[in-house]
């Protein structure tokens, strides 16, 4: 025991929980914490906006499985960071947001930047609390890490009154948390095997949080032993190496119609980890609620998620490593009736990933499919790929082969602005842990500008990210829906953009703009060389016609179809 300030007790508590890096924007409300970090081994990454800091912390949680830690100041800082908290909630990512708060003597007076964080964050976190006494900091921090990592992972918010952080206390440190997960029973595994043996058209659907390398390897062995086709839920494509013969595609926005048909026609769907939310179920159409036509095995780390929308035939509350290990050890089904299904489904995926017809004519100066092919040939299989939200992300989801566990960082919450800070954070995190991995960010023009200021962070910390900015001068997804619902009535979706390449150079990064396929190939060589030689980021801006809105359709074709249906 020693007399320490609240700020020092907090930093010591973070060290006890294994925290080595934090993200944030400094604020006067938690100066005592910043002072304690000065002499600490914990690294504080200074961001340019709290939304970017929260997204980086969320990316840390995804990459490592440990809570990403973010510090922001009260009021505006907290509201800016809320987007990252919401993303961590919907993505089931362990994360802890610390918010500086007004002093205890000022509460309930609407003091400068005062907010009641319990009300503000109550519905998008696993727990929200305020630490009013310095001697209880170890208790609160230990509980925060325990809650964030046990069961279904998620975010926790702790408010830190300014006077509490400056006060002193004699208190013992807590022990490291011990995350708790449920395990399946032997009877449940036996029942699952009986259901599998009776099936003719089974399909495995992987998703959700709580996975690790061993769990992914165990699930791969389970799929191989039983010759099972495996699909991955929306933005969880890295749970099985996409080059593996059992991988048959992703179940999300822009799903392969043939894979959608396989989900609908399956007589047994084994969903391991996903919540079975709107994006993964095609707006709750691939499976009927509450009783699907398919026999459904739903496995999830949160008991309260089971039966929430779908009444499965078998519901198993389990952590992912626990269920994966037992499935890998399960005796395989002998002579399964679905032999040959994997090869058929895999062939359908490969056909789906071929060059889209819109580019085969060669009329488009910049072939976006060829752009992805060039990136695949240049970057290694373990490249971390990040994106935010927008139609541009289809090029990453459909055509990029994710090389295995933790090669994809993307928000299932559909948050724009996620990809840039996630990429910067991933590069910093990998370097901090002594690893050098390529990081690639796909960003739309609107998406990039929501957190593009984190390029300054990338340059400051020498995060050698490759940014690919899809510039078509519009909020593409909204424009697409606009043409479908109100054809030829463009309102609010046009963008006047900066010169993204010049912007990157202004930050100190490499920047080039291209409008032809050959131009991109040459720019990519220069960008890759720049990252290798300097360790600094590079940005390539793709300037192309907004009419090329998706790999499957143009804005003109969408508009004409809508007008025809209304005629």
Protein backbone atom coordinates (compact mmCIF):
# COMPACT_ATOMS: atom_id res chain seq x y z
CA UNK A 1 0.00 0.00 0.00
CA UNK A 2 1.15 3.53 -0.75
CA UNK A 3 -0.43 6.96 -0.77
CA UNK A 4 -1.17 7.62 -4.45
CA UNK A 5 -3.31 9.99 -6.46
CA UNK A 6 -6.40 8.67 -8.14
CA UNK A 7 -4.68 9.15 -11.47
CA UNK A 8 -1.73 7.01 -10.39
CA UNK A 9 -3.98 4.32 -8.89
CA UNK A 10 -5.87 4.14 -12.18
CA UNK A 11 -2.74 3.79 -14.31
CA UNK A 12 -1.38 1.13 -11.94
CA UNK A 13 -4.72 -0.70 -12.21
CA UNK A 14 -4.44 -0.68 -16.00
CA UNK A 15 -0.94 -2.14 -15.80
CA UNK A 16 -2.28 -4.90 -13.54
CA UNK A 17 -4.84 -5.77 -16.24
CA UNK A 18 -2.12 -6.03 -18.87
CA UNK A 19 -2.77 -2.76 -20.69
CA UNK A 20 0.19 -1.69 -22.79
CA UNK A 21 -1.29 0.92 -25.11
CA UNK A 22 -4.17 3.41 -24.91
CA UNK A 23 -5.76 5.87 -27.32
CA UNK A 24 -7.27 9.25 -26.70
CA UNK A 25 -7.43 13.00 -27.01
CA UNK A 26 -6.03 14.87 -23.97
CA UNK A 27 -8.38 16.90 -21.79
CA UNK A 28 -8.09 19.00 -18.65
CA UNK A 29 -10.62 16.77 -16.90
CA UNK A 30 -8.12 13.90 -16.56
CA UNK A 31 -4.77 15.66 -16.24
CA UNK A 32 -3.87 13.49 -13.24
CA UNK A 33 -4.09 10.38 -15.46
CA UNK A 34 -1.93 11.96 -18.17
CA UNK A 35 0.63 12.86 -15.52
CA UNK A 36 0.70 9.28 -14.21
CA UNK A 37 1.12 7.96 -17.76
CA UNK A 38 4.22 10.16 -18.14
CA UNK A 39 6.36 7.74 -16.10
CA UNK A 40 4.45 4.60 -17.06
CA UNK A 41 5.28 1.84 -19.53
CA UNK A 42 1.76 2.25 -20.94
CA UNK A 43 1.83 4.05 -24.26
CA UNK A 44 -0.66 6.84 -24.92
CA UNK A 45 -1.47 7.39 -28.61
CA UNK A 46 -2.59 10.97 -29.21
CA UNK A 47 -5.46 11.16 -31.69
CA UNK A 48 -6.92 14.11 -33.55
CA UNK A 49 -10.58 13.45 -32.71
CA UNK A 50 -12.26 11.31 -30.07
CA UNK A 51 -14.23 9.35 -32.66
CA UNK A 52 -10.96 8.23 -34.22
CA UNK A 53 -9.54 7.36 -30.79
CA UNK A 54 -12.57 5.23 -29.92
CA UNK A 55 -12.40 3.43 -33.27
CA UNK A 56 -8.70 2.68 -32.68
CA UNK A 57 -9.50 1.26 -29.25
CA UNK A 58 -12.26 -0.84 -30.80
CA UNK A 59 -9.82 -2.11 -33.43
CA UNK A 60 -7.40 -3.03 -30.63
CA UNK A 61 -10.16 -5.11 -29.02
CA UNK A 62 -10.85 -6.90 -32.30
CA UNK A 63 -7.18 -7.58 -33.03
CA UNK A 64 -6.10 -8.79 -29.60
CA UNK A 65 -9.26 -10.04 -27.87
CA UNK A 66 -8.33 -7.81 -24.91
CA UNK A 67 -10.19 -4.60 -24.10
CA UNK A 68 -9.10 -1.60 -26.10
CA UNK A 69 -8.70 1.39 -23.77
CA UNK A 70 -9.65 4.94 -24.70
CA UNK A 71 -9.44 8.20 -22.71
CA UNK A 72 -11.53 11.26 -23.59
CA UNK A 73 -12.60 14.39 -21.83
CA UNK A 74 -16.10 15.24 -20.69
CA UNK A 75 -18.99 16.53 -22.80
CA UNK A 76 -17.89 16.97 -26.43
CA UNK A 77 -15.11 14.42 -26.01
CA UNK A 78 -17.53 11.81 -24.73
CA UNK A 79 -20.14 12.46 -27.40
CA UNK A 80 -17.52 12.23 -30.13
CA UNK A 81 -16.35 8.90 -28.72
CA UNK A 82 -19.86 7.47 -28.52
CA UNK A 83 -19.72 6.21 -32.11
CA UNK A 84 -16.87 3.88 -31.15
CA UNK A 85 -18.80 2.65 -28.12
CA UNK A 86 -21.85 1.89 -30.26
CA UNK A 87 -19.65 0.01 -32.73
CA UNK A 88 -18.08 -2.03 -29.93
CA UNK A 89 -21.57 -2.84 -28.66
CA UNK A 90 -22.96 -4.08 -31.97
CA UNK A 91 -19.69 -5.81 -32.90
CA UNK A 92 -19.32 -7.45 -29.46
CA UNK A 93 -15.83 -6.02 -29.00
CA UNK A 94 -14.19 -5.67 -25.56
CA UNK A 95 -13.48 -2.01 -24.92
CA UNK A 96 -13.27 0.40 -21.99
CA UNK A 97 -13.89 4.12 -22.37
CA UNK A 98 -12.66 6.37 -19.56
CA UNK A 99 -14.28 9.81 -19.51
CA UNK A 100 -13.10 12.79 -17.51
CA UNK A 101 -16.01 14.19 -15.49
CA UNK A 102 -16.80 17.39 -13.62
CA UNK A 103 -15.83 17.44 -9.97
CA UNK A 104 -18.21 15.92 -7.42
CA UNK A 105 -18.98 19.38 -6.06
CA UNK A 106 -20.38 20.45 -9.44
CA UNK A 107 -22.65 17.53 -10.34
CA UNK A 108 -26.35 18.03 -11.20
CA UNK A 109 -25.80 21.75 -11.91
CA UNK A 110 -25.28 21.39 -15.65
CA UNK A 111 -21.72 22.44 -15.04
CA UNK A 112 -19.34 23.08 -17.92
CA UNK A 113 -19.56 20.06 -20.28
CA UNK A 114 -21.42 17.97 -17.70
CA UNK A 115 -23.33 14.90 -18.92
CA UNK A 116 -24.97 12.04 -17.04
CA UNK A 117 -23.07 9.17 -18.65
CA UNK A 118 -25.27 6.46 -17.16
CA UNK A 119 -28.19 7.81 -19.18
CA UNK A 120 -26.12 8.58 -22.24
CA UNK A 121 -24.40 5.21 -22.60
CA UNK A 122 -26.82 2.95 -20.76
CA UNK A 123 -28.29 1.18 -23.79
CA UNK A 124 -25.04 0.67 -25.72
CA UNK A 125 -22.74 -0.75 -23.05
CA UNK A 126 -22.51 -3.74 -20.75
CA UNK A 127 -21.92 -1.46 -17.75
CA UNK A 128 -21.64 2.27 -17.05
CA UNK A 129 -20.43 3.68 -13.75
CA UNK A 130 -18.76 6.68 -12.13
CA UNK A 131 -15.87 6.30 -9.70
CA UNK A 132 -16.46 8.81 -6.92
CA UNK A 133 -13.74 7.60 -4.51
CA UNK A 134 -10.08 7.02 -5.33
CA UNK A 135 -9.84 4.05 -2.97
CA UNK A 136 -12.40 2.14 -5.11
CA UNK A 137 -10.55 2.56 -8.42
CA UNK A 138 -8.95 -0.94 -8.34
CA UNK A 139 -12.35 -2.51 -7.69
CA UNK A 140 -14.09 -0.63 -10.51
CA UNK A 141 -11.31 -1.21 -13.04
CA UNK A 142 -11.11 -4.93 -12.28
CA UNK A 143 -14.88 -5.21 -12.69
CA UNK A 144 -14.76 -3.25 -15.95
CA UNK A 145 -12.27 -5.68 -17.48
CA UNK A 146 -14.20 -8.66 -16.11
CA UNK A 147 -17.47 -7.47 -17.62
CA UNK A 148 -15.97 -6.41 -20.95
CA UNK A 149 -14.39 -9.84 -21.57
CA UNK A 150 -16.86 -12.33 -20.07
CA UNK A 151 -19.80 -13.86 -21.91
CA UNK A 152 -20.58 -11.75 -24.96
CA UNK A 153 -17.71 -9.21 -25.04
CA UNK A 154 -18.59 -5.55 -25.19
CA UNK A 155 -17.86 -2.00 -24.06
CA UNK A 156 -17.76 -0.54 -20.55
CA UNK A 157 -17.77 3.18 -19.71
CA UNK A 158 -16.27 4.63 -16.52
CA UNK A 159 -16.56 8.33 -15.65
CA UNK A 160 -13.73 9.92 -13.66
CA UNK A 161 -14.57 13.03 -11.61
CA UNK A 162 -11.69 15.48 -11.77
CA UNK A 163 -11.38 15.94 -8.01
CA UNK A 164 -11.40 12.17 -7.45
CA UNK A 165 -8.40 11.76 -9.74
CA UNK A 166 -6.48 14.47 -7.85
CA UNK A 167 -7.26 13.05 -4.41
CA UNK A 168 -5.05 10.47 -2.69
CA UNK A 169 -5.71 7.09 -1.12
CA UNK A 170 -3.94 4.10 0.41
CA UNK A 171 -5.34 1.05 -1.36
CA UNK A 172 -4.16 -2.33 -2.58
CA UNK A 173 -4.19 -3.15 -6.29
CA UNK A 174 -6.63 -5.75 -7.54
CA UNK A 175 -5.66 -8.96 -9.36
CA UNK A 176 -5.92 -9.39 -13.15
CA UNK A 177 -9.39 -10.29 -14.35
CA UNK A 178 -10.30 -13.86 -15.31
CA UNK A 179 -12.73 -13.86 -18.24
CA UNK A 180 -15.53 -16.38 -17.86
CA UNK A 181 -17.19 -18.29 -20.71
CA UNK A 182 -19.77 -21.05 -20.72
CA UNK A 183 -19.05 -24.48 -22.23
CA UNK A 184 -21.35 -26.90 -24.05
CA UNK A 185 -22.42 -30.11 -22.37
CA UNK A 186 -21.57 -33.53 -23.76
CA UNK A 187 -25.28 -34.13 -24.31
CA UNK A 188 -25.53 -30.99 -26.46
CA UNK A 189 -22.59 -32.11 -28.61
CA UNK A 190 -24.16 -35.56 -29.00
CA UNK A 191 -27.46 -33.97 -30.05
CA UNK A 192 -25.71 -31.74 -32.56
CA UNK A 193 -23.97 -34.77 -34.08
CA UNK A 194 -27.27 -36.64 -34.35
CA UNK A 195 -28.80 -33.66 -36.14
CA UNK A 196 -25.82 -33.47 -38.48
CA UNK A 197 -25.98 -37.19 -39.27
CA UNK A 198 -29.65 -36.84 -40.22
CA UNK A 199 -29.08 -33.83 -42.47
CA UNK A 200 -28.77 -33.75 -46.25
CA UNK A 201 -27.96 -30.08 -46.88
CA UNK A 202 -26.05 -28.73 -43.84
CA UNK A 203 -24.28 -25.39 -43.77
CA UNK A 204 -22.01 -23.87 -41.12
CA UNK A 205 -22.21 -20.11 -40.47
CA UNK A 206 -19.37 -18.55 -38.46
CA UNK A 207 -19.44 -15.11 -36.87
CA UNK A 208 -19.40 -13.06 -33.71
CA UNK A 209 -16.65 -12.25 -31.25
CA UNK A 210 -14.58 -14.20 -28.75
CA UNK A 211 -12.58 -16.21 -31.28
CA UNK A 212 -8.85 -16.85 -31.16
CA UNK A 213 -6.36 -18.65 -33.39
CA UNK A 214 -6.87 -22.02 -31.71
CA UNK A 215 -10.66 -21.77 -31.96
CA UNK A 216 -10.46 -20.97 -35.68
CA UNK A 217 -8.13 -23.94 -36.20
CA UNK A 218 -10.49 -26.24 -34.32
CA UNK A 219 -13.49 -25.12 -36.38
CA UNK A 220 -11.49 -25.66 -39.56
CA UNK A 221 -10.75 -29.25 -38.46
CA UNK A 222 -14.45 -29.80 -37.65
CA UNK A 223 -15.45 -28.60 -41.13
CA UNK A 224 -12.77 -30.67 -42.86
CA UNK A 225 -13.60 -33.86 -40.95
CA UNK A 226 -17.29 -33.57 -41.84
CA UNK A 227 -16.91 -32.14 -45.37
CA UNK A 228 -19.01 -29.12 -44.41
CA UNK A 229 -19.43 -25.94 -46.43
CA UNK A 230 -18.58 -22.91 -44.26
CA UNK A 231 -19.86 -19.37 -44.77
CA UNK A 232 -18.95 -16.36 -42.64
CA UNK A 233 -21.35 -13.75 -41.28
CA UNK A 234 -21.32 -10.09 -42.25
CA UNK A 235 -17.81 -8.68 -41.73
CA UNK A 236 -16.49 -11.80 -40.00
CA UNK A 237 -14.88 -13.24 -43.12
CA UNK A 238 -11.52 -13.77 -41.44
CA UNK A 239 -12.69 -16.66 -39.23
CA UNK A 240 -11.70 -19.11 -41.97
CA UNK A 241 -8.97 -18.51 -44.54
CA UNK A 242 -10.91 -17.59 -47.67
CA UNK A 243 -8.52 -19.71 -49.78
CA UNK A 244 -9.59 -22.84 -47.90
CA UNK A 245 -11.67 -25.24 -50.05
CA UNK A 246 -14.45 -25.38 -47.42
CA UNK A 247 -15.00 -21.61 -47.47
CA UNK A 248 -18.00 -20.77 -49.65
CA UNK A 249 -18.58 -17.03 -49.11
CA UNK A 250 -19.95 -14.35 -46.83
CA UNK A 251 -23.53 -13.96 -45.69
CA UNK A 252 -24.17 -10.24 -45.58
CA UNK A 253 -24.92 -7.23 -47.78
CA UNK A 254 -24.57 -8.07 -51.47
CA UNK A 255 -24.62 -11.82 -50.84
CA UNK A 256 -24.01 -14.21 -53.71
CA UNK A 257 -27.56 -15.16 -54.78
CA UNK A 258 -26.53 -18.82 -55.02
CA UNK A 259 -25.19 -18.75 -51.47
CA UNK A 260 -28.42 -17.09 -50.32
CA UNK A 261 -30.32 -19.95 -51.93
CA UNK A 262 -28.12 -22.45 -50.09
CA UNK A 263 -28.91 -20.77 -46.77
CA UNK A 264 -32.65 -20.83 -47.51
CA UNK A 265 -32.59 -24.43 -48.71
CA UNK A 266 -30.35 -25.83 -45.99
CA UNK A 267 -32.03 -28.47 -43.86
CA UNK A 268 -29.55 -27.80 -41.05
CA UNK A 269 -27.88 -24.47 -40.32
CA UNK A 270 -25.19 -24.52 -37.64
CA UNK A 271 -24.64 -20.90 -36.60
CA UNK A 272 -21.52 -20.68 -34.44
CA UNK A 273 -21.06 -17.25 -32.89
CA UNK A 274 -23.20 -14.80 -34.91
CA UNK A 275 -26.13 -12.95 -33.35
CA UNK A 276 -28.20 -13.64 -36.50
CA UNK A 277 -29.00 -9.96 -36.84
CA UNK A 278 -30.41 -7.98 -39.74
CA UNK A 279 -27.31 -7.90 -41.96
CA UNK A 280 -26.50 -11.60 -41.61
CA UNK A 281 -30.08 -12.73 -42.26
CA UNK A 282 -30.83 -10.49 -45.23
CA UNK A 283 -33.25 -8.37 -43.25
CA UNK A 284 -34.61 -11.45 -41.44
CA UNK A 285 -35.57 -13.08 -44.77
CA UNK A 286 -32.97 -15.86 -45.14
CA UNK A 287 -34.40 -17.32 -41.94
CA UNK A 288 -38.02 -16.83 -40.96
CA UNK A 289 -38.72 -15.50 -37.48
CA UNK A 290 -39.41 -16.80 -34.96
CA UNK A 291 -39.37 -20.38 -36.27
CA UNK A 292 -37.03 -20.95 -39.24
CA UNK A 293 -37.87 -23.55 -41.88
CA UNK A 294 -34.31 -24.83 -41.54
CA UNK A 295 -33.37 -26.85 -38.52
CA UNK A 296 -31.22 -24.39 -36.61
CA UNK A 297 -28.40 -24.90 -34.15
CA UNK A 298 -27.54 -21.52 -32.63
CA UNK A 299 -24.38 -21.24 -30.54
CA UNK A 300 -23.60 -17.95 -28.83
CA UNK A 301 -21.57 -16.69 -25.87
CA UNK A 302 -24.56 -14.79 -24.38
CA UNK A 303 -27.49 -16.81 -23.08
CA UNK A 304 -29.81 -13.83 -23.51
CA UNK A 305 -29.08 -13.76 -27.26
CA UNK A 306 -30.33 -17.33 -27.74
CA UNK A 307 -34.01 -17.31 -28.67
CA UNK A 308 -34.02 -13.52 -28.93
CA UNK A 309 -35.22 -13.56 -32.55
CA UNK A 310 -35.05 -17.20 -33.65
CA UNK A 311 -36.25 -20.20 -31.69
CA UNK A 312 -33.53 -22.65 -32.64
CA UNK A 313 -33.94 -26.43 -32.47
CA UNK A 314 -30.77 -26.57 -30.39
CA UNK A 315 -29.42 -23.59 -28.45
CA UNK A 316 -25.97 -23.77 -26.89
CA UNK A 317 -24.52 -21.11 -24.62
CA UNK A 318 -20.77 -21.32 -25.08
CA UNK A 319 -17.62 -19.37 -25.67
CA UNK A 320 -16.05 -19.90 -29.07
CA UNK A 321 -12.84 -21.69 -27.93
CA UNK A 322 -14.94 -24.01 -25.79
CA UNK A 323 -17.41 -25.07 -28.51
CA UNK A 324 -14.72 -25.22 -31.19
CA UNK A 325 -12.53 -27.60 -29.17
CA UNK A 326 -15.43 -29.98 -28.53
CA UNK A 327 -16.55 -29.94 -32.15
CA UNK A 328 -13.01 -30.67 -33.33
CA UNK A 329 -12.92 -33.68 -30.98
CA UNK A 330 -16.38 -34.91 -32.02
CA UNK A 331 -16.36 -38.14 -34.06
CA UNK A 332 -17.09 -37.15 -37.65
CA UNK A 333 -20.20 -38.25 -39.49
CA UNK A 334 -19.34 -41.27 -41.64
CA UNK A 335 -20.18 -41.17 -45.35
CA UNK A 336 -22.15 -37.89 -45.19
CA UNK A 337 -25.00 -37.52 -47.66
CA UNK A 338 -23.77 -34.07 -48.69
CA UNK A 339 -20.48 -35.27 -50.20
CA UNK A 340 -19.76 -33.02 -53.17
CA UNK A 341 -21.66 -30.03 -51.79
CA UNK A 342 -18.50 -28.20 -50.74
CA UNK A 343 -16.99 -28.37 -54.21
CA UNK A 344 -20.24 -27.15 -55.79
CA UNK A 345 -20.57 -24.23 -53.37
CA UNK A 346 -16.89 -23.37 -53.76
CA UNK A 347 -17.27 -23.26 -57.54
CA UNK A 348 -20.24 -20.90 -57.14
CA UNK A 349 -18.07 -18.60 -55.00
CA UNK A 350 -15.27 -18.58 -57.57
CA UNK A 351 -17.73 -17.73 -60.34
CA UNK A 352 -19.13 -14.92 -58.16
CA UNK A 353 -15.62 -13.48 -57.78
CA UNK A 354 -14.89 -13.31 -61.51
CA UNK A 355 -14.67 -9.98 -63.31
CA UNK A 356 -18.12 -8.29 -63.33
CA UNK A 357 -19.74 -7.85 -66.77
CA UNK A 358 -19.73 -4.05 -66.40
CA UNK A 359 -15.93 -4.08 -66.78
CA UNK A 360 -15.51 -6.84 -69.37
CA UNK A 361 -16.22 -4.51 -72.28
CA UNK A 362 -13.19 -2.43 -71.38
CA UNK A 363 -15.16 0.81 -71.66
CA UNK A 364 -14.41 1.85 -68.07
CA UNK A 365 -10.99 3.62 -67.94
CA UNK A 366 -10.47 2.50 -64.34
CA UNK A 367 -11.34 -1.17 -63.76
CA UNK A 368 -12.04 -1.55 -60.04
CA UNK A 369 -11.91 -5.34 -60.27
CA UNK A 370 -8.42 -5.09 -61.71
CA UNK A 371 -7.52 -2.72 -58.88
CA UNK A 372 -8.34 -5.44 -56.34
CA UNK A 373 -6.44 -8.05 -58.38
CA UNK A 374 -3.34 -5.82 -58.39
CA UNK A 375 -3.59 -5.35 -54.63
CA UNK A 376 -3.92 -9.13 -54.14
CA UNK A 377 -0.78 -9.70 -56.20
CA UNK A 378 1.20 -7.02 -54.34
CA UNK A 379 0.26 -7.50 -50.68
CA UNK A 380 0.85 -10.63 -48.54
CA UNK A 381 -2.02 -12.96 -47.47
CA UNK A 382 -1.88 -11.85 -43.83
CA UNK A 383 -2.56 -8.21 -44.73
CA UNK A 384 -5.01 -6.54 -42.35
CA UNK A 385 -7.83 -5.01 -44.39
CA UNK A 386 -10.07 -2.32 -42.92
CA UNK A 387 -13.10 -0.45 -44.19
CA UNK A 388 -15.93 1.73 -43.01
CA UNK A 389 -19.38 1.80 -44.60
CA UNK A 390 -20.44 2.38 -48.18
CA UNK A 391 -20.89 0.62 -51.52
CA UNK A 392 -17.14 0.75 -52.07
CA UNK A 393 -16.78 -1.91 -49.35
CA UNK A 394 -18.30 -4.46 -51.72
CA UNK A 395 -14.97 -4.55 -53.54
CA UNK A 396 -13.29 -5.67 -50.32
CA UNK A 397 -15.97 -8.08 -49.14
CA UNK A 398 -16.58 -9.85 -52.44
CA UNK A 399 -13.20 -9.90 -54.15
CA UNK A 400 -10.52 -9.79 -51.45
CA UNK A 401 -9.42 -13.18 -50.00
CA UNK A 402 -9.04 -12.71 -46.24
CA UNK A 403 -6.05 -14.74 -45.14
CA UNK A 404 -7.32 -16.01 -41.80
CA UNK A 405 -7.88 -14.87 -38.26
CA UNK A 406 -7.70 -11.12 -37.72
CA UNK A 407 -7.11 -9.99 -41.26
CA UNK A 408 -10.42 -8.08 -41.37
CA UNK A 409 -11.40 -5.04 -39.33
CA UNK A 410 -14.81 -3.72 -40.34
CA UNK A 411 -17.84 -2.46 -38.39
CA UNK A 412 -20.92 -4.68 -38.32
CA UNK A 413 -22.59 -1.55 -36.92
CA UNK A 414 -22.23 0.04 -40.36
CA UNK A 415 -20.32 3.04 -39.03
CA UNK A 416 -18.84 5.35 -41.64
CA UNK A 417 -15.40 6.69 -40.77
CA UNK A 418 -14.26 3.46 -39.10
CA UNK A 419 -11.73 2.21 -41.62
CA UNK A 420 -9.12 5.00 -41.51
CA UNK A 421 -8.55 5.06 -37.72
CA UNK A 422 -8.88 1.26 -37.52
CA UNK A 423 -6.10 0.91 -40.10
CA UNK A 424 -3.86 3.44 -38.35
CA UNK A 425 -4.53 1.79 -35.00
CA UNK A 426 -3.85 -1.69 -36.39
CA UNK A 427 -0.51 -0.60 -37.82
CA UNK A 428 0.51 1.03 -34.53
CA UNK A 429 -0.62 -2.00 -32.52
CA UNK A 430 1.26 -4.48 -34.71
CA UNK A 431 4.45 -2.42 -34.57
CA UNK A 432 4.09 -1.97 -30.80
CA UNK A 433 4.01 -5.74 -30.41
CA UNK A 434 7.06 -6.22 -32.60
CA UNK A 435 5.24 -7.41 -35.72
CA UNK A 436 5.37 -5.97 -39.21
CA UNK A 437 2.18 -6.62 -41.14
CA UNK A 438 0.80 -4.82 -44.14
CA UNK A 439 -2.36 -2.81 -43.48
CA UNK A 440 -4.74 -1.86 -46.29
CA UNK A 441 -7.67 0.51 -45.98
CA UNK A 442 -10.56 0.66 -48.44
CA UNK A 443 -12.36 4.00 -48.01
CA UNK A 444 -15.09 5.83 -49.87
CA UNK A 445 -14.74 9.57 -50.39
CA UNK A 446 -17.47 10.38 -47.86
CA UNK A 447 -16.24 7.64 -45.53
CA UNK A 448 -12.63 8.86 -45.61
CA UNK A 449 -13.44 12.46 -44.78
CA UNK A 450 -15.26 11.50 -41.58
CA UNK A 451 -11.96 10.59 -39.90
CA UNK A 452 -9.32 11.45 -42.49
CA UNK A 453 -7.59 13.70 -39.96
CA UNK A 454 -6.13 10.55 -38.41
CA UNK A 455 -3.65 10.60 -41.29
CA UNK A 456 -1.79 13.03 -39.04
CA UNK A 457 -1.70 10.32 -36.37
CA UNK A 458 -0.44 7.82 -38.96
CA UNK A 459 2.43 10.10 -39.92
CA UNK A 460 3.28 10.99 -36.31
CA UNK A 461 3.57 7.32 -35.31
CA UNK A 462 4.91 6.08 -38.67
CA UNK A 463 1.96 3.82 -39.35
CA UNK A 464 2.69 2.59 -42.89
CA UNK A 465 -0.90 2.07 -44.01
CA UNK A 466 -1.92 1.91 -47.67
CA UNK A 467 -5.13 3.91 -48.14
CA UNK A 468 -7.23 3.35 -51.26
CA UNK A 469 -9.84 6.12 -51.60
CA UNK A 470 -12.79 5.47 -53.92
CA UNK A 471 -13.73 8.93 -55.13
CA UNK A 472 -16.95 9.06 -57.14
CA UNK A 473 -18.18 12.40 -55.80
CA UNK A 474 -21.24 11.06 -54.03
CA UNK A 475 -22.56 9.33 -50.94
CA UNK A 476 -22.90 6.22 -53.10
CA UNK A 477 -25.05 3.95 -50.98
CA UNK A 478 -27.61 6.66 -50.32
CA UNK A 479 -27.58 7.71 -53.97
CA UNK A 480 -28.25 4.10 -54.96
CA UNK A 481 -31.26 3.90 -52.63
CA UNK A 482 -32.35 7.33 -53.84
CA UNK A 483 -32.44 6.15 -57.46
CA UNK A 484 -34.37 3.05 -56.42
CA UNK A 485 -36.99 4.93 -54.39
CA UNK A 486 -37.02 8.36 -56.08
CA UNK A 487 -35.44 7.89 -59.53
CA UNK A 488 -33.68 10.87 -61.10
CA UNK A 489 -34.35 13.05 -58.05
CA UNK A 490 -30.87 13.62 -56.63
CA UNK A 491 -30.98 15.40 -53.28
CA UNK A 492 -28.27 15.84 -50.67
CA UNK A 493 -25.93 13.12 -51.95
CA UNK A 494 -23.51 15.03 -54.22
CA UNK A 495 -20.03 15.75 -52.83
CA UNK A 496 -17.41 18.33 -53.76
CA UNK A 497 -14.21 16.68 -52.65
CA UNK A 498 -10.67 17.90 -52.05
CA UNK A 499 -7.68 16.59 -53.96
CA UNK A 500 -7.14 13.54 -51.75
CA UNK A 501 -3.60 12.94 -53.01
CA UNK A 502 -2.60 16.53 -52.26
CA UNK A 503 -4.26 16.23 -48.85
CA UNK A 504 -2.20 13.13 -48.07
CA UNK A 505 1.00 14.92 -49.09
CA UNK A 506 0.06 17.87 -46.88
CA UNK A 507 -0.06 15.49 -43.92
CA UNK A 508 3.37 14.11 -44.84
CA UNK A 509 2.23 10.91 -46.56
CA UNK A 510 2.64 9.68 -50.12
CA UNK A 511 -0.27 10.66 -52.37
CA UNK A 512 -1.26 10.00 -55.98
CA UNK A 513 -4.52 10.24 -57.93
CA UNK A 514 -5.34 7.86 -60.78
CA UNK A 515 -8.17 7.53 -63.27
CA UNK A 516 -6.94 4.59 -65.37
CA UNK A 517 -6.16 0.96 -64.61
CA UNK A 518 -2.57 1.21 -65.84
CA UNK A 519 -2.14 4.39 -63.83
CA UNK A 520 -3.16 2.54 -60.69
CA UNK A 521 -0.73 -0.32 -61.28
CA UNK A 522 2.18 2.08 -61.52
CA UNK A 523 1.02 4.19 -58.57
CA UNK A 524 0.71 1.05 -56.45
CA UNK A 525 4.34 0.15 -57.12
CA UNK A 526 5.45 3.61 -56.02
CA UNK A 527 3.19 3.60 -52.94
CA UNK A 528 4.36 0.15 -51.84
CA UNK A 529 7.98 1.17 -52.26
CA UNK A 530 7.40 4.37 -50.28
CA UNK A 531 5.90 2.44 -47.35
CA UNK A 532 8.75 -0.09 -47.40
CA UNK A 533 11.48 2.55 -47.55
CA UNK A 534 10.10 5.15 -45.13
CA UNK A 535 7.55 3.39 -42.92
CA UNK A 536 5.16 6.25 -43.66
CA UNK A 537 1.62 5.89 -45.02
CA UNK A 538 0.60 6.15 -48.68
CA UNK A 539 -2.70 7.09 -50.30
CA UNK A 540 -3.97 6.38 -53.80
CA UNK A 541 -7.12 8.18 -54.90
CA UNK A 542 -9.30 6.35 -57.45
CA UNK A 543 -11.26 8.78 -59.59
CA UNK A 544 -14.09 7.00 -61.40
CA UNK A 545 -17.62 7.41 -62.69
CA UNK A 546 -20.29 7.30 -59.98
CA UNK A 547 -22.51 5.37 -62.40
CA UNK A 548 -20.39 2.30 -61.58
CA UNK A 549 -22.11 2.07 -58.21
CA UNK A 550 -21.81 -1.70 -57.54
CA UNK A 551 -20.21 -4.69 -59.28
CA UNK A 552 -23.71 -5.80 -60.32
CA UNK A 553 -25.51 -2.61 -61.33
CA UNK A 554 -25.08 0.94 -62.54
CA UNK A 555 -27.03 3.92 -61.29
CA UNK A 556 -28.58 4.21 -64.73
CA UNK A 557 -29.84 0.62 -64.66
CA UNK A 558 -31.24 1.08 -61.16
CA UNK A 559 -32.99 4.29 -62.20
CA UNK A 560 -34.45 2.74 -65.36
CA UNK A 561 -35.74 -0.28 -63.45
CA UNK A 562 -37.37 2.00 -60.86
CA UNK A 563 -38.96 4.17 -63.55
CA UNK A 564 -40.24 1.10 -65.39
CA UNK A 565 -41.83 -0.30 -62.24
CA UNK A 566 -43.64 2.99 -61.70
CA UNK A 567 -44.84 3.38 -65.29
